C-alpha cells in the first residue's frame, strides 16, 4: 500500500460527537479518548497491531449507556478506513490472524472485497469489563465491517477471561487488516480485475 495522507472523519449526532484521523501506513502514533477506558484500550490495540496512526475522540451520551458511543465510533472508524484505502487495489486483499492472550485464543479473517459481511462467534461470562458492555463487542465488529466495506469473520476459539477474549479479537483485527493491506505485485487480487 502506498503512503497516504491522514483521512479525517467527523460524525456528529444528538448522541455522539466523533472525530477520527487515520493513516493506514503510519508509525503507530495513537491517541484515543471515548470516555470508556476499556474501549480506548481496545481501539489502541487495534491501531497498534494494524500499524496505523490514529487520533480518535468521542463525546457520547454515556449517561445512557455505552451503546451509542461504541456503535458510532465503529461506524466512523469504518468510514475512515474505507476512505483511506479508496482506490488502493494493489493489496493482498485477504488477511488472517490467530491471537492468544493467556488462556484465550481467537481467530480473525478479513477480505477487502468491498462487500460488507460479518460473522461473530464469541461468548462472555460477564456483562461488563470496566464500563464497557461486553454485548457491544459483536456490535462494534459488525458496524465497522459494514462501513469499512469488508468481509469479517471473528471467532473466539476458547477462553474464560472476558478482557482477554475481547483484546485477542481487537488485536486479531489489527493484524489481519495489516496483512490484507500489504502491497501486492502482479495486479489486482481478483479474477474480476477489480475489488
N, C-alpha and C. Protein backbone atom coordinates (compact mmCIF):
# COMPACT_ATOMS: atom_id res chain seq x y z
N UNK A 1 0.84 -1.18 0.00
CA UNK A 1 0.00 0.00 0.00
C UNK A 1 0.89 1.24 0.00
N UNK A 2 0.59 2.17 -0.85
CA UNK A 2 1.39 3.38 -0.97
C UNK A 2 1.11 4.33 0.20
N UNK A 3 2.07 5.21 0.46
CA UNK A 3 1.91 6.18 1.54
C UNK A 3 0.74 7.10 1.23
N UNK A 4 -0.09 7.34 2.22
CA UNK A 4 -1.28 8.15 2.04
C UNK A 4 -1.36 9.20 3.14
N UNK A 5 -2.04 10.27 2.82
CA UNK A 5 -2.28 11.32 3.81
C UNK A 5 -3.29 10.82 4.83
N UNK A 6 -3.30 11.47 5.95
CA UNK A 6 -4.24 11.12 7.01
C UNK A 6 -5.66 11.51 6.59
N UNK A 7 -6.60 10.58 6.75
CA UNK A 7 -8.01 10.81 6.46
C UNK A 7 -8.68 11.37 7.71
N UNK A 8 -9.58 12.32 7.51
CA UNK A 8 -10.30 12.90 8.64
C UNK A 8 -11.80 12.68 8.46
N UNK A 9 -12.43 12.18 9.50
CA UNK A 9 -13.88 11.95 9.51
C UNK A 9 -14.45 12.62 10.76
N UNK A 10 -15.53 13.36 10.59
CA UNK A 10 -16.26 13.92 11.72
C UNK A 10 -17.69 13.41 11.63
N UNK A 11 -18.19 12.89 12.72
CA UNK A 11 -19.56 12.36 12.75
C UNK A 11 -20.25 12.92 13.99
N UNK A 12 -21.27 13.73 13.77
CA UNK A 12 -21.98 14.37 14.88
C UNK A 12 -23.46 14.06 14.80
N UNK A 13 -23.98 13.52 15.90
CA UNK A 13 -25.41 13.26 16.02
C UNK A 13 -25.86 13.83 17.37
N UNK A 14 -27.12 13.63 17.71
CA UNK A 14 -27.62 14.05 19.02
C UNK A 14 -27.08 13.16 20.12
N UNK A 15 -26.47 12.03 19.75
CA UNK A 15 -25.98 11.07 20.75
C UNK A 15 -24.46 11.07 20.90
N UNK A 16 -23.73 11.39 19.82
CA UNK A 16 -22.27 11.37 19.86
C UNK A 16 -21.68 12.46 18.99
N UNK A 17 -20.46 12.85 19.35
CA UNK A 17 -19.67 13.79 18.56
C UNK A 17 -18.29 13.16 18.41
N UNK A 18 -17.96 12.71 17.19
CA UNK A 18 -16.77 11.91 16.96
C UNK A 18 -15.87 12.57 15.93
N UNK A 19 -14.57 12.52 16.18
CA UNK A 19 -13.57 12.96 15.21
C UNK A 19 -12.51 11.87 15.10
N UNK A 20 -12.23 11.45 13.87
CA UNK A 20 -11.22 10.42 13.61
C UNK A 20 -10.22 10.95 12.60
N UNK A 21 -8.95 10.76 12.88
CA UNK A 21 -7.89 10.97 11.91
C UNK A 21 -7.15 9.65 11.79
N UNK A 22 -6.99 9.16 10.55
CA UNK A 22 -6.44 7.82 10.35
C UNK A 22 -5.47 7.81 9.18
N UNK A 23 -4.33 7.20 9.41
CA UNK A 23 -3.36 6.93 8.35
C UNK A 23 -2.99 5.46 8.45
N UNK A 24 -3.24 4.70 7.39
CA UNK A 24 -3.09 3.25 7.45
C UNK A 24 -1.64 2.78 7.45
N UNK A 25 -0.76 3.53 6.85
CA UNK A 25 0.66 3.13 6.86
C UNK A 25 1.44 4.08 7.76
N UNK A 26 1.03 4.11 9.00
CA UNK A 26 1.58 5.06 9.96
C UNK A 26 2.76 4.53 10.75
N UNK A 27 3.03 5.24 11.82
CA UNK A 27 4.15 4.91 12.71
C UNK A 27 3.65 4.59 14.11
N UNK A 28 2.37 4.22 14.22
CA UNK A 28 1.74 3.86 15.48
C UNK A 28 1.68 5.04 16.45
N UNK A 29 1.39 6.22 15.91
CA UNK A 29 1.11 7.38 16.74
C UNK A 29 -0.39 7.35 17.02
N UNK A 30 -0.75 7.02 18.25
CA UNK A 30 -2.14 6.70 18.57
C UNK A 30 -2.60 7.50 19.79
N UNK A 31 -3.75 8.16 19.66
CA UNK A 31 -4.40 8.83 20.77
C UNK A 31 -5.89 8.52 20.68
N UNK A 32 -6.44 7.99 21.75
CA UNK A 32 -7.85 7.60 21.76
C UNK A 32 -8.49 8.09 23.06
N UNK A 33 -9.67 8.70 22.93
CA UNK A 33 -10.44 9.11 24.10
C UNK A 33 -11.93 9.03 23.77
N UNK A 34 -12.57 7.96 24.26
CA UNK A 34 -14.01 7.78 24.03
C UNK A 34 -14.82 7.96 25.31
N UNK A 35 -14.13 8.11 26.44
CA UNK A 35 -14.83 8.15 27.71
C UNK A 35 -15.06 6.78 28.31
N UNK A 36 -14.66 5.73 27.59
CA UNK A 36 -14.79 4.35 28.08
C UNK A 36 -13.38 3.75 28.10
N UNK A 37 -12.80 3.65 29.27
CA UNK A 37 -11.40 3.26 29.39
C UNK A 37 -11.04 1.97 28.69
N UNK A 38 -11.83 0.93 28.88
CA UNK A 38 -11.52 -0.36 28.26
C UNK A 38 -11.63 -0.28 26.74
N UNK A 39 -12.61 0.45 26.24
CA UNK A 39 -12.78 0.62 24.80
C UNK A 39 -11.58 1.37 24.22
N UNK A 40 -11.10 2.40 24.93
CA UNK A 40 -9.89 3.11 24.50
C UNK A 40 -8.72 2.13 24.37
N UNK A 41 -8.60 1.26 25.34
CA UNK A 41 -7.53 0.24 25.34
C UNK A 41 -7.66 -0.68 24.12
N UNK A 42 -8.89 -1.09 23.79
CA UNK A 42 -9.09 -1.98 22.65
C UNK A 42 -8.80 -1.26 21.33
N UNK A 43 -9.26 -0.04 21.18
CA UNK A 43 -9.00 0.72 19.95
C UNK A 43 -7.51 1.00 19.78
N UNK A 44 -6.83 1.25 20.87
CA UNK A 44 -5.38 1.46 20.82
C UNK A 44 -4.68 0.17 20.37
N UNK A 45 -5.12 -0.97 20.90
CA UNK A 45 -4.55 -2.25 20.48
C UNK A 45 -4.80 -2.51 19.00
N UNK A 46 -6.01 -2.25 18.54
CA UNK A 46 -6.34 -2.42 17.12
C UNK A 46 -5.41 -1.58 16.25
N UNK A 47 -5.28 -0.30 16.55
CA UNK A 47 -4.46 0.60 15.74
C UNK A 47 -2.98 0.21 15.81
N UNK A 48 -2.52 -0.19 16.99
CA UNK A 48 -1.11 -0.57 17.15
C UNK A 48 -0.77 -1.77 16.27
N UNK A 49 -1.58 -2.81 16.36
CA UNK A 49 -1.27 -4.04 15.62
C UNK A 49 -1.54 -3.89 14.12
N UNK A 50 -2.39 -2.93 13.75
CA UNK A 50 -2.61 -2.64 12.33
C UNK A 50 -1.49 -1.77 11.76
N UNK A 51 -0.73 -1.11 12.63
CA UNK A 51 0.34 -0.23 12.17
C UNK A 51 -0.16 1.14 11.74
N UNK A 52 -1.25 1.60 12.35
CA UNK A 52 -1.87 2.86 11.97
C UNK A 52 -1.36 4.02 12.81
N UNK A 53 -1.49 5.23 12.25
CA UNK A 53 -1.54 6.45 13.03
C UNK A 53 -3.02 6.74 13.21
N UNK A 54 -3.45 7.00 14.44
CA UNK A 54 -4.87 7.24 14.66
C UNK A 54 -5.08 8.19 15.84
N UNK A 55 -5.88 9.20 15.60
CA UNK A 55 -6.38 10.04 16.67
C UNK A 55 -7.90 9.93 16.62
N UNK A 56 -8.50 9.56 17.74
CA UNK A 56 -9.94 9.34 17.78
C UNK A 56 -10.50 9.89 19.09
N UNK A 57 -11.47 10.77 18.98
CA UNK A 57 -12.16 11.28 20.17
C UNK A 57 -13.65 11.12 19.99
N UNK A 58 -14.32 10.85 21.09
CA UNK A 58 -15.78 10.74 21.07
C UNK A 58 -16.34 11.28 22.37
N UNK A 59 -17.30 12.18 22.24
CA UNK A 59 -18.09 12.63 23.37
C UNK A 59 -19.48 12.07 23.15
N UNK A 60 -19.83 11.07 23.96
CA UNK A 60 -21.10 10.40 23.77
C UNK A 60 -21.99 10.48 24.99
N UNK A 61 -23.22 10.03 24.84
CA UNK A 61 -24.21 10.07 25.93
C UNK A 61 -24.02 8.86 26.86
N UNK A 62 -22.88 8.84 27.52
CA UNK A 62 -22.55 7.71 28.40
C UNK A 62 -23.45 7.65 29.62
N UNK A 63 -24.20 8.71 29.89
CA UNK A 63 -25.16 8.66 30.98
C UNK A 63 -26.31 7.71 30.63
N UNK A 64 -26.48 7.41 29.33
CA UNK A 64 -27.49 6.44 28.90
C UNK A 64 -26.91 5.04 29.02
N UNK A 65 -25.89 4.75 28.23
CA UNK A 65 -25.09 3.54 28.31
C UNK A 65 -23.97 3.68 27.28
N UNK A 66 -23.27 2.59 26.98
CA UNK A 66 -22.14 2.68 26.05
C UNK A 66 -22.53 2.41 24.60
N UNK A 67 -23.76 2.03 24.36
CA UNK A 67 -24.18 1.58 23.03
C UNK A 67 -23.89 2.60 21.93
N UNK A 68 -24.38 3.82 22.10
CA UNK A 68 -24.23 4.82 21.04
C UNK A 68 -22.76 5.14 20.78
N UNK A 69 -21.98 5.24 21.84
CA UNK A 69 -20.56 5.54 21.68
C UNK A 69 -19.84 4.44 20.92
N UNK A 70 -20.02 3.20 21.32
CA UNK A 70 -19.32 2.08 20.67
C UNK A 70 -19.77 1.94 19.22
N UNK A 71 -21.06 1.97 18.98
CA UNK A 71 -21.57 1.80 17.62
C UNK A 71 -21.10 2.94 16.70
N UNK A 72 -21.24 4.17 17.17
CA UNK A 72 -20.91 5.31 16.31
C UNK A 72 -19.40 5.41 16.06
N UNK A 73 -18.59 5.06 17.06
CA UNK A 73 -17.15 5.02 16.83
C UNK A 73 -16.81 3.99 15.77
N UNK A 74 -17.45 2.82 15.84
CA UNK A 74 -17.20 1.78 14.84
C UNK A 74 -17.59 2.25 13.44
N UNK A 75 -18.72 2.94 13.34
CA UNK A 75 -19.17 3.45 12.04
C UNK A 75 -18.19 4.49 11.50
N UNK A 76 -17.78 5.43 12.34
CA UNK A 76 -16.86 6.48 11.90
C UNK A 76 -15.50 5.89 11.54
N UNK A 77 -15.01 4.95 12.34
CA UNK A 77 -13.71 4.33 12.05
C UNK A 77 -13.79 3.51 10.76
N UNK A 78 -14.91 2.82 10.54
CA UNK A 78 -15.09 2.08 9.30
C UNK A 78 -15.11 3.00 8.10
N UNK A 79 -15.77 4.15 8.22
CA UNK A 79 -15.79 5.14 7.13
C UNK A 79 -14.38 5.66 6.85
N UNK A 80 -13.63 5.92 7.91
CA UNK A 80 -12.25 6.41 7.74
C UNK A 80 -11.39 5.37 7.05
N UNK A 81 -11.55 4.11 7.45
CA UNK A 81 -10.80 3.03 6.83
C UNK A 81 -11.12 2.93 5.34
N UNK A 82 -12.41 2.93 5.01
CA UNK A 82 -12.83 2.82 3.61
C UNK A 82 -12.27 3.97 2.78
N UNK A 83 -12.30 5.17 3.33
CA UNK A 83 -11.79 6.33 2.61
C UNK A 83 -10.27 6.27 2.46
N UNK A 84 -9.59 5.80 3.50
CA UNK A 84 -8.12 5.74 3.47
C UNK A 84 -7.61 4.73 2.45
N UNK A 85 -8.36 3.66 2.22
CA UNK A 85 -7.89 2.66 1.26
C UNK A 85 -8.60 2.76 -0.09
N UNK A 86 -9.36 3.81 -0.28
CA UNK A 86 -10.08 4.03 -1.53
C UNK A 86 -9.12 4.00 -2.71
N UNK A 87 -9.50 3.29 -3.74
CA UNK A 87 -8.71 3.16 -4.97
C UNK A 87 -7.38 2.43 -4.78
N UNK A 88 -7.19 1.80 -3.62
CA UNK A 88 -5.95 1.05 -3.39
C UNK A 88 -6.23 -0.43 -3.62
N UNK A 89 -6.21 -0.84 -4.88
CA UNK A 89 -6.46 -2.24 -5.21
C UNK A 89 -5.17 -3.05 -5.29
N UNK A 90 -4.03 -2.41 -5.02
CA UNK A 90 -2.74 -3.08 -5.11
C UNK A 90 -2.35 -3.72 -3.78
N UNK A 91 -3.32 -4.42 -3.16
CA UNK A 91 -3.09 -5.02 -1.85
C UNK A 91 -3.37 -6.53 -1.90
N UNK A 92 -2.90 -7.23 -0.89
CA UNK A 92 -3.10 -8.68 -0.83
C UNK A 92 -4.57 -9.08 -0.75
N UNK A 93 -5.40 -8.24 -0.16
CA UNK A 93 -6.84 -8.40 -0.04
C UNK A 93 -7.26 -9.26 1.15
N UNK A 94 -6.69 -10.44 1.32
CA UNK A 94 -7.06 -11.33 2.42
C UNK A 94 -6.05 -11.21 3.56
N UNK A 95 -6.56 -11.34 4.77
CA UNK A 95 -5.68 -11.35 5.93
C UNK A 95 -6.31 -12.18 7.02
N UNK A 96 -5.45 -12.82 7.82
CA UNK A 96 -5.97 -13.62 8.93
C UNK A 96 -4.97 -13.59 10.08
N UNK A 97 -5.49 -13.82 11.27
CA UNK A 97 -4.63 -13.83 12.45
C UNK A 97 -5.20 -14.77 13.50
N UNK A 98 -4.31 -15.49 14.14
CA UNK A 98 -4.62 -16.26 15.34
C UNK A 98 -3.93 -15.53 16.49
N UNK A 99 -4.70 -15.16 17.51
CA UNK A 99 -4.11 -14.39 18.60
C UNK A 99 -4.42 -15.04 19.94
N UNK A 100 -3.38 -15.47 20.65
CA UNK A 100 -3.57 -15.94 22.02
C UNK A 100 -3.37 -14.79 23.01
N UNK A 101 -4.09 -14.81 24.08
CA UNK A 101 -3.83 -13.94 25.21
C UNK A 101 -4.10 -14.76 26.46
N UNK A 102 -3.02 -15.23 27.05
CA UNK A 102 -3.09 -16.15 28.18
C UNK A 102 -3.99 -17.35 27.82
N UNK A 103 -5.12 -17.52 28.49
CA UNK A 103 -5.94 -18.71 28.27
C UNK A 103 -6.86 -18.58 27.05
N UNK A 104 -6.94 -17.39 26.47
CA UNK A 104 -7.87 -17.14 25.36
C UNK A 104 -7.16 -17.27 24.01
N UNK A 105 -7.87 -17.81 23.04
CA UNK A 105 -7.37 -17.92 21.67
C UNK A 105 -8.47 -17.51 20.71
N UNK A 106 -8.15 -16.60 19.78
CA UNK A 106 -9.15 -16.11 18.83
C UNK A 106 -8.59 -16.09 17.42
N UNK A 107 -9.50 -16.14 16.46
CA UNK A 107 -9.16 -16.09 15.04
C UNK A 107 -9.97 -14.98 14.38
N UNK A 108 -9.29 -14.18 13.55
CA UNK A 108 -9.95 -13.11 12.79
C UNK A 108 -9.50 -13.23 11.34
N UNK A 109 -10.46 -13.19 10.41
CA UNK A 109 -10.18 -13.30 8.98
C UNK A 109 -10.90 -12.16 8.26
N UNK A 110 -10.18 -11.46 7.37
CA UNK A 110 -10.79 -10.36 6.62
C UNK A 110 -10.59 -10.57 5.12
N UNK A 111 -11.52 -10.00 4.36
CA UNK A 111 -11.44 -9.94 2.90
C UNK A 111 -11.84 -8.53 2.50
N UNK A 112 -10.91 -7.80 1.91
CA UNK A 112 -11.19 -6.42 1.48
C UNK A 112 -11.91 -6.45 0.14
N UNK A 113 -13.04 -7.10 0.15
CA UNK A 113 -13.80 -7.41 -1.06
C UNK A 113 -14.66 -6.25 -1.54
N UNK A 114 -14.93 -5.30 -0.67
CA UNK A 114 -15.91 -4.26 -1.00
C UNK A 114 -17.33 -4.69 -0.70
N UNK A 115 -17.49 -5.92 -0.22
CA UNK A 115 -18.81 -6.45 0.12
C UNK A 115 -18.90 -6.62 1.63
N UNK A 116 -19.69 -5.77 2.30
CA UNK A 116 -19.79 -5.88 3.76
C UNK A 116 -20.49 -7.16 4.17
N UNK A 117 -19.81 -7.92 5.04
CA UNK A 117 -20.42 -9.11 5.63
C UNK A 117 -19.72 -9.35 6.95
N UNK A 118 -20.44 -9.97 7.88
CA UNK A 118 -19.94 -10.09 9.24
C UNK A 118 -20.40 -11.38 9.87
N UNK A 119 -19.46 -12.10 10.50
CA UNK A 119 -19.79 -13.27 11.31
C UNK A 119 -19.04 -13.10 12.63
N UNK A 120 -19.75 -13.24 13.72
CA UNK A 120 -19.15 -13.05 15.05
C UNK A 120 -19.52 -14.23 15.93
N UNK A 121 -18.53 -14.85 16.54
CA UNK A 121 -18.76 -16.01 17.40
C UNK A 121 -17.89 -15.90 18.64
N UNK A 122 -18.46 -15.34 19.68
CA UNK A 122 -17.77 -15.23 20.97
C UNK A 122 -18.82 -15.11 22.07
N UNK A 123 -18.53 -15.71 23.20
CA UNK A 123 -19.43 -15.68 24.36
C UNK A 123 -18.67 -15.08 25.54
N UNK A 124 -19.40 -14.36 26.39
CA UNK A 124 -18.79 -13.74 27.55
C UNK A 124 -19.57 -14.11 28.81
N UNK A 125 -18.84 -14.38 29.89
CA UNK A 125 -19.47 -14.81 31.13
C UNK A 125 -19.82 -13.64 32.05
N UNK A 126 -19.42 -12.42 31.64
CA UNK A 126 -19.74 -11.23 32.43
C UNK A 126 -20.39 -10.20 31.51
N UNK A 127 -21.16 -9.28 32.09
CA UNK A 127 -21.84 -8.26 31.31
C UNK A 127 -20.97 -7.07 30.98
N UNK A 128 -19.93 -6.84 31.79
CA UNK A 128 -19.09 -5.67 31.60
C UNK A 128 -17.63 -5.99 31.87
N UNK A 129 -16.77 -5.26 31.16
CA UNK A 129 -15.36 -5.17 31.52
C UNK A 129 -15.14 -3.68 31.77
N UNK A 130 -14.94 -3.31 33.01
CA UNK A 130 -14.97 -1.90 33.37
C UNK A 130 -16.33 -1.33 33.03
N UNK A 131 -16.37 -0.23 32.32
CA UNK A 131 -17.65 0.36 31.90
C UNK A 131 -18.13 -0.17 30.56
N UNK A 132 -17.31 -0.98 29.90
CA UNK A 132 -17.63 -1.49 28.56
C UNK A 132 -18.58 -2.67 28.65
N UNK A 133 -19.70 -2.58 27.95
CA UNK A 133 -20.67 -3.67 27.92
C UNK A 133 -20.20 -4.73 26.93
N UNK A 134 -19.97 -5.95 27.39
CA UNK A 134 -19.41 -6.99 26.52
C UNK A 134 -20.31 -7.29 25.34
N UNK A 135 -21.61 -7.10 25.47
CA UNK A 135 -22.54 -7.34 24.36
C UNK A 135 -22.26 -6.41 23.19
N UNK A 136 -21.56 -5.30 23.42
CA UNK A 136 -21.26 -4.35 22.36
C UNK A 136 -20.07 -4.79 21.51
N UNK A 137 -19.38 -5.83 21.92
CA UNK A 137 -18.21 -6.29 21.17
C UNK A 137 -18.60 -6.70 19.75
N UNK A 138 -19.55 -7.58 19.63
CA UNK A 138 -20.01 -8.01 18.31
C UNK A 138 -20.59 -6.86 17.51
N UNK A 139 -21.27 -5.95 18.20
CA UNK A 139 -21.86 -4.80 17.52
C UNK A 139 -20.77 -3.91 16.91
N UNK A 140 -19.65 -3.76 17.62
CA UNK A 140 -18.53 -2.99 17.09
C UNK A 140 -18.04 -3.59 15.79
N UNK A 141 -17.77 -4.90 15.79
CA UNK A 141 -17.22 -5.55 14.61
C UNK A 141 -18.20 -5.49 13.43
N UNK A 142 -19.48 -5.65 13.68
CA UNK A 142 -20.47 -5.58 12.61
C UNK A 142 -20.53 -4.18 12.01
N UNK A 143 -20.57 -3.18 12.87
CA UNK A 143 -20.67 -1.80 12.39
C UNK A 143 -19.41 -1.39 11.63
N UNK A 144 -18.26 -1.79 12.14
CA UNK A 144 -17.01 -1.49 11.45
C UNK A 144 -16.97 -2.15 10.07
N UNK A 145 -17.31 -3.44 10.01
CA UNK A 145 -17.27 -4.17 8.74
C UNK A 145 -18.22 -3.55 7.71
N UNK A 146 -19.38 -3.12 8.17
CA UNK A 146 -20.36 -2.52 7.26
C UNK A 146 -19.82 -1.26 6.60
N UNK A 147 -19.30 -0.34 7.42
CA UNK A 147 -18.81 0.93 6.88
C UNK A 147 -17.45 0.80 6.19
N UNK A 148 -16.63 -0.15 6.64
CA UNK A 148 -15.32 -0.38 6.00
C UNK A 148 -15.47 -1.14 4.69
N UNK A 149 -16.66 -1.69 4.46
CA UNK A 149 -16.97 -2.45 3.24
C UNK A 149 -16.03 -3.63 3.07
N UNK A 150 -15.99 -4.46 4.10
CA UNK A 150 -15.16 -5.66 4.04
C UNK A 150 -15.92 -6.83 4.65
N UNK A 151 -15.45 -8.03 4.32
CA UNK A 151 -15.99 -9.24 4.93
C UNK A 151 -15.13 -9.56 6.14
N UNK A 152 -15.78 -9.85 7.26
CA UNK A 152 -15.08 -10.03 8.52
C UNK A 152 -15.65 -11.23 9.28
N UNK A 153 -14.78 -12.18 9.58
CA UNK A 153 -15.14 -13.33 10.41
C UNK A 153 -14.32 -13.26 11.68
N UNK A 154 -15.01 -13.22 12.82
CA UNK A 154 -14.37 -13.07 14.12
C UNK A 154 -14.83 -14.23 14.99
N UNK A 155 -13.86 -14.97 15.56
CA UNK A 155 -14.24 -16.16 16.33
C UNK A 155 -13.31 -16.35 17.52
N UNK A 156 -13.88 -16.45 18.70
CA UNK A 156 -13.11 -16.84 19.86
C UNK A 156 -13.17 -18.37 19.95
N UNK A 157 -12.02 -19.00 19.95
CA UNK A 157 -11.96 -20.46 20.00
C UNK A 157 -12.22 -20.95 21.42
N UNK A 158 -11.54 -20.35 22.38
CA UNK A 158 -11.80 -20.62 23.79
C UNK A 158 -11.20 -19.52 24.63
N UNK A 159 -11.61 -19.49 25.88
CA UNK A 159 -11.13 -18.50 26.82
C UNK A 159 -12.12 -18.34 27.95
N UNK A 160 -11.66 -17.79 29.05
CA UNK A 160 -12.51 -17.59 30.22
C UNK A 160 -12.63 -16.11 30.59
N UNK A 161 -11.53 -15.40 30.53
CA UNK A 161 -11.50 -14.01 30.96
C UNK A 161 -11.99 -13.11 29.82
N UNK A 162 -13.05 -12.36 30.07
CA UNK A 162 -13.65 -11.53 29.00
C UNK A 162 -12.67 -10.48 28.48
N UNK A 163 -11.87 -9.90 29.37
CA UNK A 163 -10.86 -8.93 28.93
C UNK A 163 -9.92 -9.58 27.93
N UNK A 164 -9.43 -10.77 28.24
CA UNK A 164 -8.50 -11.48 27.36
C UNK A 164 -9.16 -11.82 26.02
N UNK A 165 -10.40 -12.30 26.07
CA UNK A 165 -11.10 -12.69 24.84
C UNK A 165 -11.28 -11.47 23.93
N UNK A 166 -11.81 -10.40 24.47
CA UNK A 166 -12.08 -9.21 23.66
C UNK A 166 -10.78 -8.62 23.12
N UNK A 167 -9.76 -8.56 23.95
CA UNK A 167 -8.49 -8.00 23.48
C UNK A 167 -7.89 -8.85 22.37
N UNK A 168 -8.00 -10.16 22.47
CA UNK A 168 -7.47 -11.02 21.40
C UNK A 168 -8.22 -10.78 20.09
N UNK A 169 -9.50 -10.44 20.16
CA UNK A 169 -10.29 -10.15 18.95
C UNK A 169 -9.86 -8.83 18.31
N UNK A 170 -9.67 -7.79 19.11
CA UNK A 170 -9.25 -6.50 18.57
C UNK A 170 -7.83 -6.56 18.01
N UNK A 171 -6.93 -7.24 18.71
CA UNK A 171 -5.57 -7.40 18.19
C UNK A 171 -5.61 -8.20 16.89
N UNK A 172 -6.45 -9.23 16.86
CA UNK A 172 -6.58 -10.05 15.65
C UNK A 172 -7.06 -9.24 14.47
N UNK A 173 -8.02 -8.33 14.69
CA UNK A 173 -8.49 -7.49 13.60
C UNK A 173 -7.35 -6.62 13.08
N UNK A 174 -6.59 -6.03 13.98
CA UNK A 174 -5.46 -5.21 13.56
C UNK A 174 -4.46 -5.98 12.73
N UNK A 175 -4.08 -7.15 13.20
CA UNK A 175 -3.10 -7.98 12.48
C UNK A 175 -3.63 -8.43 11.12
N UNK A 176 -4.90 -8.85 11.08
CA UNK A 176 -5.49 -9.32 9.81
C UNK A 176 -5.57 -8.18 8.80
N UNK A 177 -5.94 -6.99 9.24
CA UNK A 177 -6.01 -5.85 8.33
C UNK A 177 -4.62 -5.46 7.83
N UNK A 178 -3.66 -5.51 8.71
CA UNK A 178 -2.29 -5.19 8.29
C UNK A 178 -1.82 -6.16 7.20
N UNK A 179 -2.13 -7.43 7.38
CA UNK A 179 -1.76 -8.44 6.38
C UNK A 179 -2.50 -8.20 5.06
N UNK A 180 -3.79 -7.92 5.13
CA UNK A 180 -4.59 -7.73 3.93
C UNK A 180 -4.16 -6.50 3.14
N UNK A 181 -3.60 -5.51 3.82
CA UNK A 181 -3.20 -4.27 3.17
C UNK A 181 -1.76 -4.29 2.65
N UNK A 182 -1.08 -5.40 2.79
CA UNK A 182 0.28 -5.48 2.26
C UNK A 182 0.26 -5.29 0.75
N UNK A 183 1.28 -4.57 0.23
CA UNK A 183 1.33 -4.36 -1.22
C UNK A 183 1.41 -5.68 -1.98
N UNK A 184 0.73 -5.70 -3.11
CA UNK A 184 0.70 -6.90 -3.96
C UNK A 184 1.28 -6.55 -5.32
N UNK A 185 2.10 -7.43 -5.83
CA UNK A 185 2.58 -7.27 -7.20
C UNK A 185 1.82 -8.24 -8.10
N UNK A 186 1.71 -7.91 -9.35
CA UNK A 186 1.04 -8.82 -10.28
C UNK A 186 -0.41 -8.52 -10.50
N UNK A 187 -0.85 -7.30 -10.17
CA UNK A 187 -2.22 -6.92 -10.47
C UNK A 187 -3.16 -7.07 -9.30
N UNK A 188 -4.42 -6.77 -9.57
CA UNK A 188 -5.47 -6.80 -8.55
C UNK A 188 -5.76 -8.23 -8.12
N UNK A 189 -5.98 -8.43 -6.83
CA UNK A 189 -6.23 -9.76 -6.26
C UNK A 189 -7.67 -10.18 -6.48
N UNK A 190 -8.07 -10.29 -7.75
CA UNK A 190 -9.41 -10.73 -8.09
C UNK A 190 -9.45 -11.19 -9.55
N UNK A 191 -10.13 -12.27 -9.81
CA UNK A 191 -10.29 -12.72 -11.19
C UNK A 191 -11.15 -11.74 -12.00
N UNK A 192 -11.90 -10.89 -11.29
CA UNK A 192 -12.74 -9.88 -11.97
C UNK A 192 -11.92 -8.67 -12.42
N UNK A 193 -10.73 -8.54 -11.84
CA UNK A 193 -9.89 -7.40 -12.19
C UNK A 193 -10.10 -6.16 -11.35
N UNK A 194 -11.09 -6.20 -10.44
CA UNK A 194 -11.34 -5.09 -9.51
C UNK A 194 -11.78 -5.66 -8.17
N UNK A 195 -11.54 -4.90 -7.13
CA UNK A 195 -12.05 -5.27 -5.80
C UNK A 195 -13.37 -4.57 -5.57
